[in-house]
C-alpha atoms as a PDB file:
ATOM      1  CA  MET A   1     152.043 131.801 170.880  1.00  0.00           C
ATOM      2  CA  PHE A   2     150.272 135.595 170.413  1.00  0.00           C
ATOM      3  CA  GLN A   3     152.759 135.951 167.354  1.00  0.00           C
ATOM      4  CA  MET A   4     152.405 132.557 166.151  1.00  0.00           C
ATOM      5  CA  ILE A   5     148.717 133.173 166.207  1.00  0.00           C
ATOM      6  CA  THR A   6     148.679 136.446 164.532  1.00  0.00           C
ATOM      7  CA  THR A   7     151.062 136.048 162.002  1.00  0.00           C
ATOM      8  CA  GLY A   8     150.021 132.663 161.026  1.00  0.00           C
ATOM      9  CA  LEU A   9     146.088 133.820 160.546  1.00  0.00           C
ATOM     10  CA  ILE A  10     147.161 136.960 158.867  1.00  0.00           C
ATOM     11  CA  CYS A  11     149.456 135.041 156.353  1.00  0.00           C
ATOM     12  CA  GLY A  12     146.985 132.543 155.548  1.00  0.00           C
ATOM     13  CA  ALA A  13     143.907 134.817 155.492  1.00  0.00           C
ATOM     14  CA  LEU A  14     145.825 136.767 152.835  1.00  0.00           C
ATOM     15  CA  LEU A  15     146.447 133.572 150.937  1.00  0.00           C
ATOM     16  CA  GLY A  16     143.124 132.284 151.310  1.00  0.00           C
ATOM     17  CA  PHE A  17     141.517 135.904 150.170  1.00  0.00           C
ATOM     18  CA  VAL A  18     143.975 135.760 147.102  1.00  0.00           C
ATOM     19  CA  LEU A  19     143.416 132.216 146.050  1.00  0.00           C
ATOM     20  CA  GLN A  20     139.368 132.478 145.907  1.00  0.00           C
ATOM     21  CA  ARG A  21     139.023 135.959 144.365  1.00  0.00           C
ATOM     22  CA  GLY A  22     141.897 134.820 141.942  1.00  0.00           C
ATOM     23  CA  ARG A  23     140.379 131.623 141.843  1.00  0.00           C
ATOM     24  CA  PHE A  24     143.689 130.064 141.553  1.00  0.00           C
ATOM     25  CA  CYS A  25     142.852 126.186 141.353  1.00  0.00           C
ATOM     26  CA  LEU A  26     145.991 124.192 140.321  1.00  0.00           C
ATOM     27  CA  THR A  27     143.688 121.145 140.293  1.00  0.00           C
ATOM     28  CA  GLY A  28     141.669 122.733 137.265  1.00  0.00           C
ATOM     29  CA  GLY A  29     144.910 124.317 135.775  1.00  0.00           C
ATOM     30  CA  PHE A  30     146.564 120.918 135.412  1.00  0.00           C
ATOM     31  CA  ARG A  31     143.209 119.283 134.197  1.00  0.00           C
ATOM     32  CA  ASP A  32     142.870 121.818 131.609  1.00  0.00           C
ATOM     33  CA  MET A  33     146.438 121.243 130.151  1.00  0.00           C
ATOM     34  CA  TYR A  34     145.310 117.818 129.280  1.00  0.00           C
ATOM     35  CA  ILE A  35     141.819 118.321 128.350  1.00  0.00           C
ATOM     36  CA  ALA A  36     141.439 121.875 127.034  1.00  0.00           C
ATOM     37  CA  LYS A  37     144.958 122.433 125.956  1.00  0.00           C
ATOM     38  CA  ASP A  38     144.823 125.700 128.379  1.00  0.00           C
ATOM     39  CA  ASN A  39     148.493 126.249 129.952  1.00  0.00           C
ATOM     40  CA  ARG A  40     147.497 129.379 131.583  1.00  0.00           C
ATOM     41  CA  LEU A  41     147.199 128.427 135.033  1.00  0.00           C
ATOM     42  CA  PHE A  42     150.368 126.529 134.914  1.00  0.00           C
ATOM     43  CA  TYR A  43     152.356 129.147 133.590  1.00  0.00           C
ATOM     44  CA  ALA A  44     151.044 131.163 136.380  1.00  0.00           C
ATOM     45  CA  LEU A  45     152.229 128.889 139.045  1.00  0.00           C
ATOM     46  CA  LEU A  46     155.928 129.318 137.335  1.00  0.00           C
ATOM     47  CA  ILE A  47     155.553 132.794 137.956  1.00  0.00           C
ATOM     48  CA  ALA A  48     154.838 132.146 141.254  1.00  0.00           C
ATOM     49  CA  ILE A  49     157.743 129.683 141.778  1.00  0.00           C
ATOM     50  CA  SER A  50     160.040 132.253 140.278  1.00  0.00           C
ATOM     51  CA  VAL A  51     158.884 135.025 142.473  1.00  0.00           C
ATOM     52  CA  GLN A  52     159.277 132.744 145.601  1.00  0.00           C
ATOM     53  CA  SER A  53     162.747 131.716 144.210  1.00  0.00           C
ATOM     54  CA  ILE A  54     164.105 135.059 143.814  1.00  0.00           C
ATOM     55  CA  GLY A  55     162.806 135.738 147.385  1.00  0.00           C
ATOM     56  CA  VAL A  56     163.964 133.104 149.674  1.00  0.00           C
ATOM     57  CA  PHE A  57     167.441 132.840 147.894  1.00  0.00           C
ATOM     58  CA  THR A  58     167.775 136.605 148.845  1.00  0.00           C
ATOM     59  CA  LEU A  59     166.501 135.618 152.362  1.00  0.00           C
ATOM     60  CA  LEU A  60     168.951 132.845 152.584  1.00  0.00           C
ATOM     61  CA  HIS A  61     171.839 135.047 151.135  1.00  0.00           C
ATOM     62  CA  PHE A  62     171.391 137.950 153.647  1.00  0.00           C
ATOM     63  CA  ASP A  63     171.001 135.019 156.436  1.00  0.00           C
ATOM     64  CA  VAL A  64     167.506 136.228 157.255  1.00  0.00           C
ATOM     65  CA  ILE A  65     166.474 132.639 157.118  1.00  0.00           C
ATOM     66  CA  GLN A  66     168.458 129.386 157.262  1.00  0.00           C
ATOM     67  CA  TYR A  67     167.456 126.006 155.198  1.00  0.00           C
ATOM     68  CA  SER A  68     168.782 122.711 153.935  1.00  0.00           C
ATOM     69  CA  ALA A  69     167.337 120.597 151.306  1.00  0.00           C
ATOM     70  CA  GLY A  70     168.670 117.346 152.652  1.00  0.00           C
ATOM     71  CA  SER A  71     168.197 114.141 150.956  1.00  0.00           C
ATOM     72  CA  PHE A  72     165.908 112.941 148.103  1.00  0.00           C
ATOM     73  CA  PRO A  73     163.190 110.308 148.990  1.00  0.00           C
ATOM     74  CA  TRP A  74     162.934 109.451 145.221  1.00  0.00           C
ATOM     75  CA  LEU A  75     160.647 106.439 145.276  1.00  0.00           C
ATOM     76  CA  ALA A  76     158.130 108.147 147.711  1.00  0.00           C
ATOM     77  CA  ILE A  77     158.105 111.377 146.004  1.00  0.00           C
ATOM     78  CA  ILE A  78     157.298 109.380 142.762  1.00  0.00           C
ATOM     79  CA  VAL A  79     154.656 107.347 144.069  1.00  0.00           C
ATOM     80  CA  GLY A  80     153.087 109.666 146.643  1.00  0.00           C
ATOM     81  CA  SER A  81     153.031 112.673 144.208  1.00  0.00           C
ATOM     82  CA  PHE A  82     151.038 110.525 141.549  1.00  0.00           C
ATOM     83  CA  VAL A  83     148.384 109.377 144.099  1.00  0.00           C
ATOM     84  CA  PHE A  84     148.224 112.731 145.072  1.00  0.00           C
ATOM     85  CA  GLY A  85     147.561 114.081 141.468  1.00  0.00           C
ATOM     86  CA  MET A  86     144.787 111.380 140.893  1.00  0.00           C
ATOM     87  CA  GLY A  87     143.133 112.540 144.485  1.00  0.00           C
ATOM     88  CA  ILE A  88     142.890 115.988 143.578  1.00  0.00           C
ATOM     89  CA  VAL A  89     140.849 115.082 140.410  1.00  0.00           C
ATOM     90  CA  PHE A  90     138.293 113.229 142.072  1.00  0.00           C
ATOM     91  CA  ALA A  91     138.188 115.726 145.295  1.00  0.00           C
ATOM     92  CA  GLY A  92     137.506 118.300 142.939  1.00  0.00           C
ATOM     93  CA  GLY A  93     140.562 120.715 144.195  1.00  0.00           C
ATOM     94  CA  CYS A  94     144.000 120.148 145.691  1.00  0.00           C
ATOM     95  CA  ALA A  95     144.912 120.646 149.372  1.00  0.00           C
ATOM     96  CA  THR A  96     145.090 124.349 149.309  1.00  0.00           C
ATOM     97  CA  GLY A  97     141.864 124.592 146.877  1.00  0.00           C
ATOM     98  CA  THR A  98     139.991 122.143 149.084  1.00  0.00           C
ATOM     99  CA  TRP A  99     140.575 124.712 152.075  1.00  0.00           C
ATOM    100  CA  TYR A 100     139.595 127.866 150.171  1.00  0.00           C
ATOM    101  CA  ARG A 101     136.803 126.001 148.643  1.00  0.00           C
ATOM    102  CA  ALA A 102     135.572 125.019 152.203  1.00  0.00           C
ATOM    103  CA  GLY A 103     135.788 128.494 153.136  1.00  0.00           C
ATOM    104  CA  GLU A 104     133.170 129.184 150.182  1.00  0.00           C
ATOM    105  CA  GLY A 105     130.793 127.129 151.733  1.00  0.00           C
ATOM    106  CA  LEU A 106     131.281 123.790 149.474  1.00  0.00           C
ATOM    107  CA  LEU A 107     130.590 121.007 151.461  1.00  0.00           C
ATOM    108  CA  GLY A 108     131.854 118.613 149.015  1.00  0.00           C
ATOM    109  CA  SER A 109     135.521 120.318 149.825  1.00  0.00           C
ATOM    110  CA  TRP A 110     134.594 119.593 153.605  1.00  0.00           C
ATOM    111  CA  ILE A 111     134.216 115.975 152.999  1.00  0.00           C
ATOM    112  CA  ALA A 112     137.637 115.916 151.037  1.00  0.00           C
ATOM    113  CA  LEU A 113     138.996 117.778 153.485  1.00  0.00           C
ATOM    114  CA  PHE A 114     137.939 115.171 156.446  1.00  0.00           C
ATOM    115  CA  GLY A 115     139.405 112.340 154.231  1.00  0.00           C
ATOM    116  CA  TYR A 116     142.455 114.416 153.632  1.00  0.00           C
ATOM    117  CA  MET A 117     143.067 115.083 157.231  1.00  0.00           C
ATOM    118  CA  THR A 118     142.395 111.328 158.194  1.00  0.00           C
ATOM    119  CA  MET A 119     144.639 109.385 156.094  1.00  0.00           C
ATOM    120  CA  SER A 120     147.344 112.096 156.777  1.00  0.00           C
ATOM    121  CA  VAL A 121     147.088 111.225 160.441  1.00  0.00           C
ATOM    122  CA  ILE A 122     146.957 107.081 159.604  1.00  0.00           C
ATOM    123  CA  MET A 123     150.186 107.703 157.271  1.00  0.00           C
ATOM    124  CA  ARG A 124     152.323 109.679 159.858  1.00  0.00           C
ATOM    125  CA  ALA A 125     151.171 107.940 163.165  1.00  0.00           C
ATOM    126  CA  GLY A 126     148.855 105.237 162.217  1.00  0.00           C
ATOM    127  CA  VAL A 127     148.752 101.558 160.780  1.00  0.00           C
ATOM    128  CA  LEU A 128     150.284 102.796 157.390  1.00  0.00           C
ATOM    129  CA  GLN A 129     153.291 104.798 159.079  1.00  0.00           C
ATOM    130  CA  PRO A 130     155.687 101.860 158.614  1.00  0.00           C
ATOM    131  CA  LEU A 131     154.833 101.698 154.812  1.00  0.00           C
ATOM    132  CA  ASN A 132     155.488 105.408 154.698  1.00  0.00           C
ATOM    133  CA  ALA A 133     158.836 104.913 156.458  1.00  0.00           C
ATOM    134  CA  SER A 134     159.796 102.340 154.378  1.00  0.00           C
ATOM    135  CA  LEU A 135     159.008 103.797 151.013  1.00  0.00           C
ATOM    136  CA  GLN A 136     160.826 106.929 152.494  1.00  0.00           C
ATOM    137  CA  ALA A 137     163.980 105.071 153.307  1.00  0.00           C
ATOM    138  CA  TYR A 138     164.874 104.918 149.549  1.00  0.00           C
ATOM    139  CA  GLN A 139     166.945 108.048 149.186  1.00  0.00           C
ATOM    140  CA  LEU A 140     169.595 110.016 146.866  1.00  0.00           C
ATOM    141  CA  PRO A 141     172.302 111.756 149.443  1.00  0.00           C
ATOM    142  CA  THR A 142     171.530 114.981 147.525  1.00  0.00           C
ATOM    143  CA  ASN A 143     167.944 116.969 146.932  1.00  0.00           C
ATOM    144  CA  SER A 144     169.501 120.144 145.833  1.00  0.00           C
ATOM    145  CA  ILE A 145     169.833 120.407 141.736  1.00  0.00           C
ATOM    146  CA  ALA A 146     172.567 123.278 142.026  1.00  0.00           C
ATOM    147  CA  GLU A 147     174.693 121.146 144.445  1.00  0.00           C
ATOM    148  CA  SER A 148     173.935 117.888 142.091  1.00  0.00           C
ATOM    149  CA  LEU A 149     175.209 119.852 139.158  1.00  0.00           C
ATOM    150  CA  GLY A 150     177.858 121.476 140.937  1.00  0.00           C
ATOM    151  CA  ILE A 151     176.695 125.271 139.899  1.00  0.00           C
ATOM    152  CA  PRO A 152     175.409 128.327 141.718  1.00  0.00           C
ATOM    153  CA  VAL A 153     171.791 127.985 142.129  1.00  0.00           C
ATOM    154  CA  TRP A 154     171.443 131.522 141.016  1.00  0.00           C
ATOM    155  CA  ILE A 155     171.866 130.024 137.317  1.00  0.00           C
ATOM    156  CA  LEU A 156     168.660 127.665 137.646  1.00  0.00           C
ATOM    157  CA  ILE A 157     166.850 130.694 138.733  1.00  0.00           C
ATOM    158  CA  ALA A 158     167.721 133.021 135.924  1.00  0.00           C
ATOM    159  CA  ILE A 159     167.357 130.258 133.630  1.00  0.00           C
ATOM    160  CA  LEU A 160     163.375 129.794 135.296  1.00  0.00           C
ATOM    161  CA  VAL A 161     162.990 133.681 135.005  1.00  0.00           C
ATOM    162  CA  ALA A 162     164.096 133.809 131.391  1.00  0.00           C
ATOM    163  CA  VAL A 163     161.689 130.832 130.539  1.00  0.00           C
ATOM    164  CA  VAL A 164     158.716 132.629 132.414  1.00  0.00           C
ATOM    165  CA  PHE A 165     159.594 136.009 131.129  1.00  0.00           C
ATOM    166  CA  TRP A 166     159.614 134.342 127.424  1.00  0.00           C
ATOM    167  CA  ILE A 167     156.147 132.743 128.327  1.00  0.00           C
ATOM    168  CA  LEU A 168     154.697 136.082 129.521  1.00  0.00           C
ATOM    169  CA  GLN A 169     155.733 137.647 126.488  1.00  0.00           C
ATOM    170  CA  LYS A 170     154.012 135.128 124.266  1.00  0.00           C
ATOM    171  CA  GLU A 171     151.179 135.138 126.113  1.00  0.00           C
ATOM    172  CA  LEU A 172     150.499 138.660 126.528  1.00  0.00           C
ATOM    173  CA  ARG A 173     150.852 139.337 122.866  1.00  0.00           C
ATOM    174  CA  LYS A 174     148.094 136.889 122.158  1.00  0.00           C
ATOM    175  CA  PRO A 175     144.682 138.516 120.906  1.00  0.00           C
ATOM    176  CA  LYS A 176     142.099 139.120 124.056  1.00  0.00           C
ATOM    177  CA  ILE A 177     139.262 137.275 123.822  1.00  0.00           C
ATOM    178  CA  ALA A 178     136.105 139.461 124.748  1.00  0.00           C
ATOM    179  CA  ILE A 179     134.040 138.146 127.580  1.00  0.00           C
ATOM    180  CA  PRO A 180     130.724 139.476 128.290  1.00  0.00           C
ATOM    181  CA  THR A 181     130.717 141.071 131.921  1.00  0.00           C
ATOM    182  CA  MET A 182     127.802 142.880 133.804  1.00  0.00           C
ATOM    183  CA  LYS A 183     127.774 146.288 134.784  1.00  0.00           C
ATOM    184  CA  PRO A 184     129.726 146.777 137.711  1.00  0.00           C
ATOM    185  CA  LYS A 185     127.766 147.397 140.790  1.00  0.00           C
ATOM    186  CA  ARG A 186     130.678 148.680 142.607  1.00  0.00           C
ATOM    187  CA  THR A 187     133.613 151.276 142.313  1.00  0.00           C
ATOM    188  CA  GLY A 188     136.922 151.820 143.320  1.00  0.00           C
ATOM    189  CA  ILE A 189     138.932 149.526 145.388  1.00  0.00           C
ATOM    190  CA  ALA A 190     135.655 147.401 146.009  1.00  0.00           C
ATOM    191  CA  HIS A 191     135.077 146.732 142.535  1.00  0.00           C
ATOM    192  CA  ILE A 192     138.708 145.563 142.072  1.00  0.00           C
ATOM    193  CA  LEU A 193     138.751 143.239 145.381  1.00  0.00           C
ATOM    194  CA  PHE A 194     135.574 141.814 145.299  1.00  0.00           C
ATOM    195  CA  GLU A 195     134.049 142.230 141.635  1.00  0.00           C
ATOM    196  CA  LYS A 196     136.534 142.525 138.935  1.00  0.00           C
ATOM    197  CA  ARG A 197     138.229 138.970 137.099  1.00  0.00           C
ATOM    198  CA  TRP A 198     141.493 138.508 138.444  1.00  0.00           C
ATOM    199  CA  HIS A 199     144.258 137.841 136.027  1.00  0.00           C
ATOM    200  CA  PRO A 200     146.206 134.612 136.741  1.00  0.00           C
ATOM    201  CA  PHE A 201     149.241 136.173 136.543  1.00  0.00           C
ATOM    202  CA  ILE A 202     148.648 138.505 138.908  1.00  0.00           C
ATOM    203  CA  THR A 203     147.083 136.327 141.277  1.00  0.00           C
ATOM    204  CA  ALA A 204     150.359 134.444 141.147  1.00  0.00           C
ATOM    205  CA  ILE A 205     152.681 137.368 141.613  1.00  0.00           C
ATOM    206  CA  LEU A 206     150.359 137.805 144.650  1.00  0.00           C
ATOM    207  CA  VAL A 207     150.753 134.152 146.300  1.00  0.00           C
ATOM    208  CA  GLY A 208     154.503 134.104 145.366  1.00  0.00           C
ATOM    209  CA  SER A 209     154.837 137.210 147.457  1.00  0.00           C
ATOM    210  CA  ILE A 210     152.829 135.844 150.326  1.00  0.00           C
ATOM    211  CA  ALA A 211     155.001 132.566 149.936  1.00  0.00           C
ATOM    212  CA  ILE A 212     158.087 134.796 150.613  1.00  0.00           C
ATOM    213  CA  MET A 213     156.523 136.533 153.706  1.00  0.00           C
ATOM    214  CA  ALA A 214     155.850 132.926 155.238  1.00  0.00           C
ATOM    215  CA  TRP A 215     159.618 132.249 155.895  1.00  0.00           C
ATOM    216  CA  PRO A 216     160.659 134.772 158.198  1.00  0.00           C
ATOM    217  CA  LEU A 217     157.060 134.721 159.689  1.00  0.00           C
ATOM    218  CA  SER A 218     157.100 130.874 160.420  1.00  0.00           C
ATOM    219  CA  ALA A 219     160.915 131.278 161.183  1.00  0.00           C
ATOM    220  CA  ALA A 220     160.075 133.396 164.126  1.00  0.00           C
ATOM    221  CA  THR A 221     157.919 130.952 165.872  1.00  0.00           C
ATOM    222  CA  GLY A 222     160.723 128.361 165.452  1.00  0.00           C
ATOM    223  CA  ARG A 223     159.175 126.562 162.155  1.00  0.00           C
ATOM    224  CA  VAL A 224     161.764 126.820 159.543  1.00  0.00           C
ATOM    225  CA  PHE A 225     159.576 126.395 156.268  1.00  0.00           C
ATOM    226  CA  GLY A 226     157.072 128.435 154.189  1.00  0.00           C
ATOM    227  CA  LEU A 227     154.005 127.261 153.181  1.00  0.00           C
ATOM    228  CA  GLY A 228     152.727 124.003 154.084  1.00  0.00           C
ATOM    229  CA  ILE A 229     149.449 122.306 154.116  1.00  0.00           C
ATOM    230  CA  THR A 230     149.658 118.515 154.676  1.00  0.00           C
ATOM    231  CA  THR A 231     151.397 118.517 158.119  1.00  0.00           C
ATOM    232  CA  PRO A 232     149.699 121.282 159.736  1.00  0.00           C
ATOM    233  CA  THR A 233     146.049 119.568 158.171  1.00  0.00           C
ATOM    234  CA  ALA A 234     146.978 116.492 159.879  1.00  0.00           C
ATOM    235  CA  ASN A 235     148.442 118.122 163.410  1.00  0.00           C
ATOM    236  CA  ILE A 236     144.756 119.670 163.460  1.00  0.00           C
ATOM    237  CA  LEU A 237     143.028 116.263 163.826  1.00  0.00           C
ATOM    238  CA  GLN A 238     146.077 114.968 166.012  1.00  0.00           C
ATOM    239  CA  TYR A 239     145.684 117.905 168.462  1.00  0.00           C
ATOM    240  CA  LEU A 240     142.042 117.312 168.583  1.00  0.00           C
ATOM    241  CA  VAL A 241     141.935 113.570 169.184  1.00  0.00           C
ATOM    242  CA  SER A 242     145.305 113.844 171.599  1.00  0.00           C
ATOM    243  CA  GLY A 243     144.897 117.481 173.257  1.00  0.00           C
ATOM    244  CA  ASP A 244     148.707 117.847 172.751  1.00  0.00           C
ATOM    245  CA  VAL A 245     149.101 121.493 172.269  1.00  0.00           C
ATOM    246  CA  SER A 246     152.994 120.410 170.620  1.00  0.00           C
ATOM    247  CA  TYR A 247     150.868 119.875 167.470  1.00  0.00           C
ATOM    248  CA  ILE A 248     149.699 123.254 167.194  1.00  0.00           C
ATOM    249  CA  ASN A 249     152.275 125.560 165.269  1.00  0.00           C
ATOM    250  CA  TRP A 250     152.407 128.533 162.903  1.00  0.00           C
ATOM    251  CA  GLY A 251     151.561 126.072 160.188  1.00  0.00           C
ATOM    252  CA  VAL A 252     147.898 125.121 162.091  1.00  0.00           C
ATOM    253  CA  PHE A 253     147.282 128.583 161.878  1.00  0.00           C
ATOM    254  CA  LEU A 254     147.700 129.121 158.341  1.00  0.00           C
ATOM    255  CA  VAL A 255     145.825 126.592 157.151  1.00  0.00           C
ATOM    256  CA  LEU A 256     142.683 127.833 159.381  1.00  0.00           C
ATOM    257  CA  GLY A 257     143.723 131.406 158.073  1.00  0.00           C
ATOM    258  CA  ILE A 258     143.204 130.315 154.261  1.00  0.00           C
ATOM    259  CA  PHE A 259     139.888 129.298 155.458  1.00  0.00           C
ATOM    260  CA  LEU A 260     138.853 132.706 157.053  1.00  0.00           C
ATOM    261  CA  GLY A 261     140.674 134.488 154.327  1.00  0.00           C
ATOM    262  CA  SER A 262     138.597 132.710 151.761  1.00  0.00           C
ATOM    263  CA  PHE A 263     135.440 133.010 153.527  1.00  0.00           C
ATOM    264  CA  ILE A 264     135.527 136.734 154.070  1.00  0.00           C
ATOM    265  CA  ALA A 265     136.368 137.120 150.422  1.00  0.00           C
ATOM    266  CA  ALA A 266     133.295 134.600 149.203  1.00  0.00           C
ATOM    267  CA  LYS A 267     131.109 136.649 151.557  1.00  0.00           C
ATOM    268  CA  ALA A 268     132.309 140.247 150.464  1.00  0.00           C
ATOM    269  CA  SER A 269     131.964 138.913 146.787  1.00  0.00           C
ATOM    270  CA  ARG A 270     128.945 137.604 147.474  1.00  0.00           C
ATOM    271  CA  GLU A 271     130.134 133.930 146.243  1.00  0.00           C
ATOM    272  CA  PHE A 272     129.546 132.278 149.427  1.00  0.00           C
ATOM    273  CA  ARG A 273     126.758 129.691 149.779  1.00  0.00           C
ATOM    274  CA  PHE A 274     126.163 126.212 151.175  1.00  0.00           C
ATOM    275  CA  ARG A 275     126.246 123.621 148.478  1.00  0.00           C
ATOM    276  CA  MET A 276     125.419 119.915 149.027  1.00  0.00           C
ATOM    277  CA  PRO A 277     127.057 117.655 146.520  1.00  0.00           C
ATOM    278  CA  ASP A 278     125.096 114.549 145.337  1.00  0.00           C
ATOM    279  CA  ALA A 279     125.801 111.116 146.265  1.00  0.00           C
ATOM    280  CA  LYS A 280     128.127 110.580 143.785  1.00  0.00           C
ATOM    281  CA  THR A 281     130.301 113.728 143.965  1.00  0.00           C
ATOM    282  CA  GLY A 282     130.213 113.241 148.118  1.00  0.00           C
ATOM    283  CA  ILE A 283     131.691 109.421 147.592  1.00  0.00           C
ATOM    284  CA  ASN A 284     134.036 111.184 144.997  1.00  0.00           C
ATOM    285  CA  SER A 285     135.251 113.883 147.108  1.00  0.00           C
ATOM    286  CA  PHE A 286     135.825 111.603 150.126  1.00  0.00           C
ATOM    287  CA  ILE A 287     137.737 109.087 147.946  1.00  0.00           C
ATOM    288  CA  GLY A 288     139.910 112.025 146.733  1.00  0.00           C
ATOM    289  CA  GLY A 289     140.651 113.215 149.903  1.00  0.00           C
ATOM    290  CA  ILE A 290     142.060 109.603 150.835  1.00  0.00           C
ATOM    291  CA  LEU A 291     144.300 109.915 148.078  1.00  0.00           C
ATOM    292  CA  MET A 292     145.535 113.034 148.723  1.00  0.00           C
ATOM    293  CA  GLY A 293     146.063 112.502 152.292  1.00  0.00           C
ATOM    294  CA  PHE A 294     147.929 109.311 151.280  1.00  0.00           C
ATOM    295  CA  GLY A 295     149.841 110.880 148.514  1.00  0.00           C
ATOM    296  CA  ALA A 296     150.905 114.082 150.160  1.00  0.00           C
ATOM    297  CA  SER A 297     152.404 112.349 153.358  1.00  0.00           C
ATOM    298  CA  LEU A 298     154.149 109.940 151.224  1.00  0.00           C
ATOM    299  CA  GLY A 299     155.069 112.246 149.101  1.00  0.00           C
ATOM    300  CA  SER A 300     156.276 114.645 151.588  1.00  0.00           C
ATOM    301  CA  GLY A 301     154.117 117.524 150.449  1.00  0.00           C
ATOM    302  CA  CYS A 302     151.523 118.766 148.102  1.00  0.00           C
ATOM    303  CA  THR A 303     150.916 121.301 145.349  1.00  0.00           C
ATOM    304  CA  ILE A 304     151.853 123.830 147.652  1.00  0.00           C
ATOM    305  CA  GLY A 305     154.871 122.101 149.890  1.00  0.00           C
ATOM    306  CA  ASN A 306     156.025 120.470 146.842  1.00  0.00           C
ATOM    307  CA  GLY A 307     154.839 122.317 143.923  1.00  0.00           C
ATOM    308  CA  LEU A 308     155.384 125.707 144.904  1.00  0.00           C
ATOM    309  CA  VAL A 309     157.858 125.651 147.560  1.00  0.00           C
ATOM    310  CA  MET A 310     160.291 123.046 146.996  1.00  0.00           C
ATOM    311  CA  THR A 311     160.379 123.835 143.048  1.00  0.00           C
ATOM    312  CA  ALA A 312     161.435 127.279 144.554  1.00  0.00           C
ATOM    313  CA  LEU A 313     163.965 126.056 146.608  1.00  0.00           C
ATOM    314  CA  MET A 314     165.438 124.387 143.172  1.00  0.00           C
ATOM    315  CA  THR A 315     164.961 120.596 144.580  1.00  0.00           C
ATOM    316  CA  TRP A 316     164.568 117.137 142.982  1.00  0.00           C
ATOM    317  CA  GLN A 317     162.135 116.793 145.102  1.00  0.00           C
ATOM    318  CA  GLY A 318     160.167 119.722 143.939  1.00  0.00           C
ATOM    319  CA  TRP A 319     160.164 119.360 140.255  1.00  0.00           C
ATOM    320  CA  VAL A 320     159.777 115.418 140.386  1.00  0.00           C
ATOM    321  CA  SER A 321     157.067 116.019 142.521  1.00  0.00           C
ATOM    322  CA  LEU A 322     155.530 118.696 140.207  1.00  0.00           C
ATOM    323  CA  THR A 323     155.734 116.448 137.217  1.00  0.00           C
ATOM    324  CA  PHE A 324     154.314 113.498 138.791  1.00  0.00           C
ATOM    325  CA  ILE A 325     151.445 115.477 140.288  1.00  0.00           C
ATOM    326  CA  ILE A 326     150.470 116.521 137.003  1.00  0.00           C
ATOM    327  CA  LEU A 327     150.852 113.067 135.409  1.00  0.00           C
ATOM    328  CA  GLY A 328     148.387 111.555 138.028  1.00  0.00           C
ATOM    329  CA  THR A 329     146.252 114.312 137.227  1.00  0.00           C
ATOM    330  CA  TRP A 330     146.041 113.712 133.752  1.00  0.00           C
ATOM    331  CA  THR A 331     145.628 109.789 134.563  1.00  0.00           C
ATOM    332  CA  ALA A 332     142.264 110.553 136.578  1.00  0.00           C
ATOM    333  CA  SER A 333     141.237 112.929 134.177  1.00  0.00           C
ATOM    334  CA  TYR A 334     141.262 110.502 131.263  1.00  0.00           C
ATOM    335  CA  PHE A 335     139.144 107.942 133.391  1.00  0.00           C
ATOM    336  CA  ILE A 336     136.922 110.493 134.679  1.00  0.00           C
ATOM    337  CA  PHE A 337     136.141 112.833 131.887  1.00  0.00           C
ATOM    338  CA  ILE A 338     137.891 111.640 128.388  1.00  0.00           C
ATOM    339  CA  ARG A 339     136.797 108.054 128.553  1.00  0.00           C
ATOM    340  CA  PRO A 340     133.283 108.228 129.702  1.00  0.00           C
ATOM    341  CA  GLN A 341     132.647 111.113 126.893  1.00  0.00           C
ATOM    342  CA  ALA A 342     134.560 108.739 124.496  1.00  0.00           C
ATOM    343  CA  LYS A 343     131.889 106.047 125.347  1.00  0.00           C
ATOM    344  CA  LYS A 344     128.906 108.046 125.419  1.00  0.00           C
ATOM    345  CA  LYS A 345     129.957 109.129 121.640  1.00  0.00           C
ATOM    346  CA  LEU A 346     130.649 106.011 120.811  1.00  0.00           C
ATOM    347  CA  ALA A 347     127.254 104.921 121.894  1.00  0.00           C
ATOM    348  CA  THR A 348     125.331 107.747 120.571  1.00  0.00           C
ATOM    349  CA  GLN A 349     126.745 107.143 117.031  1.00  0.00           C
ATOM    350  CA  GLY A 350     125.902 103.368 117.475  1.00  0.00           C
ATOM    351  CA  ASN A 351     122.193 104.454 117.838  1.00  0.00           C
ATOM    352  CA  ALA A 352     122.244 106.556 115.087  1.00  0.00           C
ATOM    353  CA  LEU A 353     123.262 103.741 112.919  1.00  0.00           C
ATOM    354  CA  ALA A 354     121.013 101.338 114.399  1.00  0.00           C
ATOM    355  CA  THR A 355     118.046 103.969 114.029  1.00  0.00           C
ATOM    356  CA  ASN A 356     119.244 104.583 110.093  1.00  0.00           C
END
């Protein structure tokens, strides 16, 4: 138990710290791909996937860990991931983003976290469990892309790394935009850790490295998986309600560590403060949390479990899920941001014409 607590909290705290300081918000990244035509955070995610993929398959090659991709519940993945993608826009952050932003004092994220946690339990052990099970019953026998294509997995990894390398070259050659900054108040390591703006690609390398580290640390406690958010989040509420200690595992301390690490980073960088959302934002946050819990439970993962880990394992589940999370994000972004702005613009033009 001591090993579970310490390694889970340390790994989670490192991840929470990096996410907070690097502003590694995939919800904003996916949304910006559609609204602002800015792909940098998506490219950063590909970097993190590449780093983790190389590390995890190296660990698998040397038998440090064991893992089988299993079957592919295609229908549940498609529906769940799309709903989850819509939910993260309403909530203002994905599953991991909700945990780390809650650590910053954002009370809207606390509201989203409550909805996310509650619906995750309802989907796994409550009245919606039969629906969850029935949709997950539609499966294809092979989840591994390499097995399906009959090729070594390292070919897929090499292709991904080559694509990422090409993207990096292209992005780093772009002229830098001068961003006005205040005179640094700190020097040395304190300036780098708590004041300097972190580049998303550097943040991605750190996230990918922490994701690799999670595998052997988790496996040492009997939990054979890497980073994961949805199941541990549901486990917290299940433990609080039932008192059953079997729900307490390495993943629980991982998500608690994310909250702790983000809190430490926010306090040290003077970014922590309690922020109460207005009524509309609070309602949207709760709705988003409900959709996130439904989608992540049905889709067997979130932006981390599927979008980062299962993609790195080169599974159909990971890449199909990531695709539909992005599509869900874009759909919700259209109805929440694009359509209202278009209506407002038309109304303004109509008023101008009426005045003339």
